[in-house]
Amino acid sequence: MSLAKRTYSLPPDVVERFEQLLPPGERSQFLAKLIGDWLAEREREALRRELIEGCQEMAGLYQEIEREWSGAADEVWRDGE
């Protein structure tokens, strides 16, 4: 796996507490997982919003189709009696 090294500025107290809790060999892996999880959650939220918007846009069409076909179900039911 290739790695990219970046420099970010963080509050000293946060860095100190972080370094106290995680040994040097685990820090990059932990941050990669944390950022990856955060990105995945944002992508899920965006997809959820797009699905909701799509359903709202299609609601009128679904209602129109339901109105067109609602009588057909009644006819099939009557024919089966």
Protein backbone atom coordinates (compact mmCIF):
# COMPACT_ATOMS: atom_id res chain seq x y z
CA MET A 1 0.00 0.00 0.00
CA SER A 2 1.37 3.40 -0.93
CA LEU A 3 1.20 6.17 1.60
CA ALA A 4 0.92 9.95 1.30
CA LYS A 5 2.51 12.13 3.92
CA ARG A 6 0.74 15.37 4.80
CA THR A 7 1.15 18.09 7.40
CA TYR A 8 -1.84 19.39 9.34
CA SER A 9 -2.00 21.78 12.26
CA LEU A 10 -3.75 20.51 15.36
CA PRO A 11 -4.18 21.92 18.87
CA PRO A 12 -1.19 20.88 21.01
CA ASP A 13 -3.35 19.44 23.80
CA VAL A 14 -5.18 17.18 21.33
CA VAL A 15 -1.90 15.94 19.85
CA GLU A 16 -0.45 15.30 23.29
CA ARG A 17 -3.45 13.31 24.49
CA PHE A 18 -3.55 11.37 21.21
CA GLU A 19 0.13 10.48 21.43
CA GLN A 20 -0.24 9.42 25.05
CA LEU A 21 -3.00 6.97 24.17
CA LEU A 22 -1.57 5.42 20.98
CA PRO A 23 1.94 4.10 20.45
CA PRO A 24 3.86 5.48 17.43
CA GLY A 25 3.32 2.35 15.30
CA GLU A 26 -0.48 2.58 15.53
CA ARG A 27 -1.15 6.28 14.99
CA SER A 28 -1.21 6.46 11.18
CA GLN A 29 -3.35 3.33 10.89
CA PHE A 30 -5.79 4.72 13.47
CA LEU A 31 -6.05 8.07 11.68
CA ALA A 32 -6.50 6.35 8.30
CA LYS A 33 -9.39 4.29 9.71
CA LEU A 34 -10.94 7.30 11.43
CA ILE A 35 -10.80 9.41 8.26
CA GLY A 36 -12.00 6.50 6.11
CA ASP A 37 -14.98 5.91 8.40
CA TRP A 38 -15.80 9.62 8.36
CA LEU A 39 -15.64 9.72 4.55
CA ALA A 40 -17.81 6.60 4.22
CA GLU A 41 -20.43 8.13 6.52
CA ARG A 42 -20.50 11.34 4.47
CA GLU A 43 -20.90 9.28 1.28
CA ARG A 44 -23.77 7.30 2.85
CA GLU A 45 -25.47 10.51 3.93
CA ALA A 46 -25.13 11.98 0.43
CA LEU A 47 -26.57 8.80 -1.12
CA ARG A 48 -29.42 8.82 1.41
CA ARG A 49 -30.25 12.44 0.49
CA GLU A 50 -30.14 11.62 -3.23
CA LEU A 51 -32.45 8.63 -2.74
CA ILE A 52 -34.93 10.69 -0.77
CA GLU A 53 -34.87 13.46 -3.38
CA GLY A 54 -35.35 10.92 -6.16
CA CYS A 55 -38.30 9.32 -4.41
CA GLN A 56 -39.87 12.71 -3.82
CA GLU A 57 -39.42 13.60 -7.49
CA MET A 58 -41.01 10.29 -8.57
CA ALA A 59 -43.92 10.45 -6.09
CA GLY A 60 -46.20 12.26 -8.55
CA LEU A 61 -45.48 9.74 -11.28
CA TYR A 62 -46.13 6.83 -8.91
CA GLN A 63 -49.47 8.36 -7.92
CA GLU A 64 -50.41 8.86 -11.56
CA ILE A 65 -49.60 5.23 -12.39
CA GLU A 66 -51.58 4.07 -9.35
CA ARG A 67 -54.61 6.05 -10.51
CA GLU A 68 -54.33 4.59 -14.02
CA TRP A 69 -54.10 1.01 -12.80
CA SER A 70 -56.30 1.03 -9.70
CA GLY A 71 -59.39 0.11 -11.71
CA ALA A 72 -57.57 -2.79 -13.37
CA ALA A 73 -57.07 -4.52 -10.04
CA ASP A 74 -60.79 -4.23 -9.30
CA GLU A 75 -61.66 -5.70 -12.71
CA VAL A 76 -59.33 -8.66 -12.23
CA TRP A 77 -60.82 -9.29 -8.80
CA ARG A 78 -64.38 -9.23 -10.16
CA ASP A 79 -63.50 -11.53 -13.08
CA GLY A 80 -62.16 -14.10 -10.66
CA GLU A 81 -65.42 -14.36 -8.71
